Amino acid sequence: MLRQKGNTSFREKRQPFQALNTIPFQPGSHLFYPQINLTQTKGFSRFNLVAAWKRKYKGKQEDEP
């Protein structure tokens, strides 16, 4: 598992770069982005990105995904 800051940019194939914190996300949801570029810096290969935000459990909710 690797945590990234929300302002880290990523890009799907042939799409413009966007920040991780621009992904529409709700508590209790999971997203999967296959074969993305994680940063705008050259020299890195493609990665799979999984985003998860735990749901509310026993009255407690995580502040962020």
PDB file of N, CA and C in Angstrom:
ATOM      1  N   MET A   1       0.837  -1.161   0.000  1.00  0.00           N
ATOM      2  CA  MET A   1       0.000   0.000   0.000  1.00  0.00           C
ATOM      3  C   MET A   1       0.890   1.235   0.000  1.00  0.00           C
ATOM      4  N   LEU A   2       0.524   2.188  -0.793  1.00  0.00           N
ATOM      5  CA  LEU A   2       1.273   3.435  -0.917  1.00  0.00           C
ATOM      6  C   LEU A   2       0.293   4.588  -0.831  1.00  0.00           C
ATOM      7  N   ARG A   3       0.475   5.462   0.129  1.00  0.00           N
ATOM      8  CA  ARG A   3      -0.418   6.622   0.259  1.00  0.00           C
ATOM      9  C   ARG A   3       0.177   7.787  -0.514  1.00  0.00           C
ATOM     10  N   GLN A   4      -0.670   8.528  -1.183  1.00  0.00           N
ATOM     11  CA  GLN A   4      -0.249   9.685  -1.958  1.00  0.00           C
ATOM     12  C   GLN A   4      -1.005  10.917  -1.491  1.00  0.00           C
ATOM     13  N   LYS A   5      -0.388  12.080  -1.638  1.00  0.00           N
ATOM     14  CA  LYS A   5      -1.063  13.330  -1.313  1.00  0.00           C
ATOM     15  C   LYS A   5      -2.154  13.591  -2.345  1.00  0.00           C
ATOM     16  N   GLY A   6      -3.149  14.343  -1.961  1.00  0.00           N
ATOM     17  CA  GLY A   6      -4.280  14.627  -2.837  1.00  0.00           C
ATOM     18  C   GLY A   6      -3.934  15.450  -4.059  1.00  0.00           C
ATOM     19  N   ASN A   7      -2.851  16.217  -4.001  1.00  0.00           N
ATOM     20  CA  ASN A   7      -2.490  17.038  -5.150  1.00  0.00           C
ATOM     21  C   ASN A   7      -1.587  16.305  -6.148  1.00  0.00           C
ATOM     22  N   THR A   8      -1.284  15.022  -5.923  1.00  0.00           N
ATOM     23  CA  THR A   8      -0.513  14.229  -6.874  1.00  0.00           C
ATOM     24  C   THR A   8      -1.343  14.054  -8.136  1.00  0.00           C
ATOM     25  N   SER A   9      -0.721  14.260  -9.279  1.00  0.00           N
ATOM     26  CA  SER A   9      -1.474  14.173 -10.532  1.00  0.00           C
ATOM     27  C   SER A   9      -1.382  12.773 -11.127  1.00  0.00           C
ATOM     28  N   PHE A  10      -2.423  12.404 -11.856  1.00  0.00           N
ATOM     29  CA  PHE A  10      -2.444  11.129 -12.561  1.00  0.00           C
ATOM     30  C   PHE A  10      -3.157  11.316 -13.888  1.00  0.00           C
ATOM     31  N   ARG A  11      -2.932  10.380 -14.790  1.00  0.00           N
ATOM     32  CA  ARG A  11      -3.534  10.478 -16.121  1.00  0.00           C
ATOM     33  C   ARG A  11      -3.866   9.090 -16.626  1.00  0.00           C
ATOM     34  N   GLU A  12      -5.096   8.922 -17.116  1.00  0.00           N
ATOM     35  CA  GLU A  12      -5.469   7.703 -17.806  1.00  0.00           C
ATOM     36  C   GLU A  12      -4.993   7.841 -19.251  1.00  0.00           C
ATOM     37  N   LYS A  13      -5.046   6.772 -20.009  1.00  0.00           N
ATOM     38  CA  LYS A  13      -4.573   6.813 -21.393  1.00  0.00           C
ATOM     39  C   LYS A  13      -5.251   7.925 -22.180  1.00  0.00           C
ATOM     40  N   ARG A  14      -4.428   8.756 -22.808  1.00  0.00           N
ATOM     41  CA  ARG A  14      -4.871   9.826 -23.709  1.00  0.00           C
ATOM     42  C   ARG A  14      -5.837  10.816 -23.059  1.00  0.00           C
ATOM     43  N   GLN A  15      -5.726  11.023 -21.762  1.00  0.00           N
ATOM     44  CA  GLN A  15      -6.545  11.982 -21.031  1.00  0.00           C
ATOM     45  C   GLN A  15      -5.622  13.026 -20.408  1.00  0.00           C
ATOM     46  N   PRO A  16      -6.123  14.220 -20.100  1.00  0.00           N
ATOM     47  CA  PRO A  16      -5.277  15.213 -19.422  1.00  0.00           C
ATOM     48  C   PRO A  16      -4.998  14.811 -17.970  1.00  0.00           C
ATOM     49  N   PHE A  17      -3.925  15.360 -17.412  1.00  0.00           N
ATOM     50  CA  PHE A  17      -3.587  15.088 -16.015  1.00  0.00           C
ATOM     51  C   PHE A  17      -4.616  15.743 -15.102  1.00  0.00           C
ATOM     52  N   GLN A  18      -4.923  15.085 -13.991  1.00  0.00           N
ATOM     53  CA  GLN A  18      -5.810  15.635 -12.969  1.00  0.00           C
ATOM     54  C   GLN A  18      -5.279  15.247 -11.603  1.00  0.00           C
ATOM     55  N   ALA A  19      -5.648  16.017 -10.592  1.00  0.00           N
ATOM     56  CA  ALA A  19      -5.193  15.734  -9.224  1.00  0.00           C
ATOM     57  C   ALA A  19      -6.032  14.624  -8.619  1.00  0.00           C
ATOM     58  N   LEU A  20      -5.432  13.861  -7.707  1.00  0.00           N
ATOM     59  CA  LEU A  20      -6.149  12.768  -7.045  1.00  0.00           C
ATOM     60  C   LEU A  20      -7.352  13.270  -6.259  1.00  0.00           C
ATOM     61  N   ASN A  21      -7.251  14.480  -5.693  1.00  0.00           N
ATOM     62  CA  ASN A  21      -8.366  14.981  -4.887  1.00  0.00           C
ATOM     63  C   ASN A  21      -9.545  15.463  -5.731  1.00  0.00           C
ATOM     64  N   THR A  22      -9.469  15.394  -7.058  1.00  0.00           N
ATOM     65  CA  THR A  22     -10.591  15.773  -7.913  1.00  0.00           C
ATOM     66  C   THR A  22     -11.485  14.581  -8.251  1.00  0.00           C
ATOM     67  N   ILE A  23     -11.105  13.379  -7.815  1.00  0.00           N
ATOM     68  CA  ILE A  23     -11.910  12.191  -8.076  1.00  0.00           C
ATOM     69  C   ILE A  23     -13.175  12.267  -7.220  1.00  0.00           C
ATOM     70  N   PRO A  24     -14.372  12.161  -7.832  1.00  0.00           N
ATOM     71  CA  PRO A  24     -15.592  12.163  -7.022  1.00  0.00           C
ATOM     72  C   PRO A  24     -15.664  10.879  -6.192  1.00  0.00           C
ATOM     73  N   PHE A  25     -15.725  11.038  -4.880  1.00  0.00           N
ATOM     74  CA  PHE A  25     -15.560   9.899  -3.999  1.00  0.00           C
ATOM     75  C   PHE A  25     -16.460  10.029  -2.799  1.00  0.00           C
ATOM     76  N   GLN A  26     -17.099   8.942  -2.372  1.00  0.00           N
ATOM     77  CA  GLN A  26     -17.998   8.912  -1.229  1.00  0.00           C
ATOM     78  C   GLN A  26     -17.479   7.901  -0.204  1.00  0.00           C
ATOM     79  N   PRO A  27     -17.763   8.095   1.079  1.00  0.00           N
ATOM     80  CA  PRO A  27     -17.386   7.084   2.077  1.00  0.00           C
ATOM     81  C   PRO A  27     -18.040   5.737   1.758  1.00  0.00           C
ATOM     82  N   GLY A  28     -17.272   4.673   1.877  1.00  0.00           N
ATOM     83  CA  GLY A  28     -17.760   3.327   1.588  1.00  0.00           C
ATOM     84  C   GLY A  28     -17.567   2.899   0.151  1.00  0.00           C
ATOM     85  N   SER A  29     -16.891   3.704  -0.656  1.00  0.00           N
ATOM     86  CA  SER A  29     -16.717   3.344  -2.064  1.00  0.00           C
ATOM     87  C   SER A  29     -15.264   2.961  -2.370  1.00  0.00           C
ATOM     88  N   HIS A  30     -15.092   2.241  -3.464  1.00  0.00           N
ATOM     89  CA  HIS A  30     -13.785   1.797  -3.945  1.00  0.00           C
ATOM     90  C   HIS A  30     -13.725   2.066  -5.442  1.00  0.00           C
ATOM     91  N   LEU A  31     -12.570   2.528  -5.930  1.00  0.00           N
ATOM     92  CA  LEU A  31     -12.386   2.797  -7.359  1.00  0.00           C
ATOM     93  C   LEU A  31     -11.123   2.100  -7.836  1.00  0.00           C
ATOM     94  N   PHE A  32     -11.117   1.714  -9.106  1.00  0.00           N
ATOM     95  CA  PHE A  32      -9.951   1.068  -9.704  1.00  0.00           C
ATOM     96  C   PHE A  32      -9.672   1.718 -11.053  1.00  0.00           C
ATOM     97  N   TYR A  33      -8.455   2.220 -11.224  1.00  0.00           N
ATOM     98  CA  TYR A  33      -8.003   2.802 -12.486  1.00  0.00           C
ATOM     99  C   TYR A  33      -6.837   1.956 -12.998  1.00  0.00           C
ATOM    100  N   PRO A  34      -7.012   1.203 -14.084  1.00  0.00           N
ATOM    101  CA  PRO A  34      -5.911   0.378 -14.596  1.00  0.00           C
ATOM    102  C   PRO A  34      -4.971   1.175 -15.491  1.00  0.00           C
ATOM    103  N   GLN A  35      -3.696   0.893 -15.383  1.00  0.00           N
ATOM    104  CA  GLN A  35      -2.661   1.420 -16.272  1.00  0.00           C
ATOM    105  C   GLN A  35      -2.694   2.937 -16.400  1.00  0.00           C
ATOM    106  N   ILE A  36      -2.397   3.647 -15.311  1.00  0.00           N
ATOM    107  CA  ILE A  36      -2.362   5.102 -15.308  1.00  0.00           C
ATOM    108  C   ILE A  36      -0.932   5.584 -15.126  1.00  0.00           C
ATOM    109  N   ASN A  37      -0.665   6.822 -15.544  1.00  0.00           N
ATOM    110  CA  ASN A  37       0.583   7.499 -15.226  1.00  0.00           C
ATOM    111  C   ASN A  37       0.351   8.237 -13.928  1.00  0.00           C
ATOM    112  N   LEU A  38       1.199   8.011 -12.914  1.00  0.00           N
ATOM    113  CA  LEU A  38       0.957   8.589 -11.596  1.00  0.00           C
ATOM    114  C   LEU A  38       1.481  10.011 -11.464  1.00  0.00           C
ATOM    115  N   THR A  39       2.573  10.358 -12.102  1.00  0.00           N
ATOM    116  CA  THR A  39       3.097  11.718 -12.028  1.00  0.00           C
ATOM    117  C   THR A  39       3.417  12.222 -13.420  1.00  0.00           C
ATOM    118  N   GLN A  40       3.631  13.523 -13.539  1.00  0.00           N
ATOM    119  CA  GLN A  40       3.977  14.098 -14.827  1.00  0.00           C
ATOM    120  C   GLN A  40       5.468  13.952 -15.129  1.00  0.00           C
ATOM    121  N   THR A  41       6.248  13.481 -14.164  1.00  0.00           N
ATOM    122  CA  THR A  41       7.680  13.278 -14.342  1.00  0.00           C
ATOM    123  C   THR A  41       7.923  12.095 -15.261  1.00  0.00           C
ATOM    124  N   LYS A  42       8.809  12.256 -16.222  1.00  0.00           N
ATOM    125  CA  LYS A  42       9.107  11.166 -17.140  1.00  0.00           C
ATOM    126  C   LYS A  42      10.006  10.141 -16.461  1.00  0.00           C
ATOM    127  N   GLY A  43       9.962   8.904 -16.962  1.00  0.00           N
ATOM    128  CA  GLY A  43      10.810   7.857 -16.434  1.00  0.00           C
ATOM    129  C   GLY A  43      10.087   6.837 -15.586  1.00  0.00           C
ATOM    130  N   PHE A  44       8.815   7.037 -15.350  1.00  0.00           N
ATOM    131  CA  PHE A  44       8.024   6.092 -14.569  1.00  0.00           C
ATOM    132  C   PHE A  44       7.105   5.318 -15.497  1.00  0.00           C
ATOM    133  N   SER A  45       6.910   4.044 -15.201  1.00  0.00           N
ATOM    134  CA  SER A  45       6.007   3.240 -16.018  1.00  0.00           C
ATOM    135  C   SER A  45       4.579   3.406 -15.516  1.00  0.00           C
ATOM    136  N   ARG A  46       3.662   2.678 -16.119  1.00  0.00           N
ATOM    137  CA  ARG A  46       2.249   2.767 -15.754  1.00  0.00           C
ATOM    138  C   ARG A  46       1.967   1.909 -14.509  1.00  0.00           C
ATOM    139  N   PHE A  47       0.979   2.337 -13.732  1.00  0.00           N
ATOM    140  CA  PHE A  47       0.582   1.658 -12.500  1.00  0.00           C
ATOM    141  C   PHE A  47      -0.914   1.428 -12.504  1.00  0.00           C
ATOM    142  N   ASN A  48      -1.368   0.531 -11.650  1.00  0.00           N
ATOM    143  CA  ASN A  48      -2.795   0.397 -11.356  1.00  0.00           C
ATOM    144  C   ASN A  48      -3.064   1.209 -10.094  1.00  0.00           C
ATOM    145  N   LEU A  49      -4.134   2.000 -10.107  1.00  0.00           N
ATOM    146  CA  LEU A  49      -4.484   2.831  -8.961  1.00  0.00           C
ATOM    147  C   LEU A  49      -5.781   2.321  -8.352  1.00  0.00           C
ATOM    148  N   VAL A  50      -5.748   2.057  -7.049  1.00  0.00           N
ATOM    149  CA  VAL A  50      -6.943   1.659  -6.306  1.00  0.00           C
ATOM    150  C   VAL A  50      -7.169   2.713  -5.230  1.00  0.00           C
ATOM    151  N   ALA A  51      -8.389   3.221  -5.164  1.00  0.00           N
ATOM    152  CA  ALA A  51      -8.743   4.198  -4.139  1.00  0.00           C
ATOM    153  C   ALA A  51      -9.859   3.609  -3.292  1.00  0.00           C
ATOM    154  N   ALA A  52      -9.732   3.714  -1.985  1.00  0.00           N
ATOM    155  CA  ALA A  52     -10.735   3.157  -1.081  1.00  0.00           C
ATOM    156  C   ALA A  52     -10.962   4.116   0.076  1.00  0.00           C
ATOM    157  N   TRP A  53     -12.219   4.226   0.481  1.00  0.00           N
ATOM    158  CA  TRP A  53     -12.584   5.050   1.630  1.00  0.00           C
ATOM    159  C   TRP A  53     -13.492   4.201   2.501  1.00  0.00           C
ATOM    160  N   LYS A  54     -13.051   3.913   3.710  1.00  0.00           N
ATOM    161  CA  LYS A  54     -13.827   3.053   4.613  1.00  0.00           C
ATOM    162  C   LYS A  54     -15.174   3.686   4.927  1.00  0.00           C
ATOM    163  N   ARG A  55     -16.175   2.833   5.085  1.00  0.00           N
ATOM    164  CA  ARG A  55     -17.518   3.323   5.406  1.00  0.00           C
ATOM    165  C   ARG A  55     -17.610   3.633   6.892  1.00  0.00           C
ATOM    166  N   LYS A  56     -18.677   4.288   7.280  1.00  0.00           N
ATOM    167  CA  LYS A  56     -18.921   4.589   8.679  1.00  0.00           C
ATOM    168  C   LYS A  56     -19.188   3.285   9.418  1.00  0.00           C
ATOM    169  N   TYR A  57     -18.482   3.066  10.524  1.00  0.00           N
ATOM    170  CA  TYR A  57     -18.604   1.827  11.275  1.00  0.00           C
ATOM    171  C   TYR A  57     -18.644   2.156  12.758  1.00  0.00           C
ATOM    172  N   LYS A  58     -19.676   1.725  13.432  1.00  0.00           N
ATOM    173  CA  LYS A  58     -19.877   1.984  14.873  1.00  0.00           C
ATOM    174  C   LYS A  58     -19.787   3.473  15.200  1.00  0.00           C
ATOM    175  N   GLY A  59     -20.379   4.299  14.332  1.00  0.00           N
ATOM    176  CA  GLY A  59     -20.424   5.732  14.561  1.00  0.00           C
ATOM    177  C   GLY A  59     -19.144   6.478  14.271  1.00  0.00           C
ATOM    178  N   LYS A  60     -18.122   5.807  13.757  1.00  0.00           N
ATOM    179  CA  LYS A  60     -16.854   6.458  13.450  1.00  0.00           C
ATOM    180  C   LYS A  60     -16.654   6.481  11.938  1.00  0.00           C
ATOM    181  N   GLN A  61     -16.160   7.619  11.436  1.00  0.00           N
ATOM    182  CA  GLN A  61     -15.936   7.786  10.007  1.00  0.00           C
ATOM    183  C   GLN A  61     -14.531   8.321   9.790  1.00  0.00           C
ATOM    184  N   GLU A  62     -13.822   7.754   8.825  1.00  0.00           N
ATOM    185  CA  GLU A  62     -12.504   8.278   8.452  1.00  0.00           C
ATOM    186  C   GLU A  62     -12.680   9.668   7.847  1.00  0.00           C
ATOM    187  N   ASP A  63     -11.712  10.559   8.080  1.00  0.00           N
ATOM    188  CA  ASP A  63     -11.801  11.931   7.571  1.00  0.00           C
ATOM    189  C   ASP A  63     -11.586  12.021   6.073  1.00  0.00           C
ATOM    190  N   GLU A  64     -10.769  11.132   5.541  1.00  0.00           N
ATOM    191  CA  GLU A  64     -10.450  11.183   4.114  1.00  0.00           C
ATOM    192  C   GLU A  64     -10.179   9.785   3.588  1.00  0.00           C
ATOM    193  N   PRO A  65     -10.231   9.644   2.252  1.00  0.00           N
ATOM    194  CA  PRO A  65      -9.973   8.300   1.678  1.00  0.00           C
ATOM    195  C   PRO A  65      -8.532   7.871   1.831  1.00  0.00           C
TER     196      PRO A  65
END
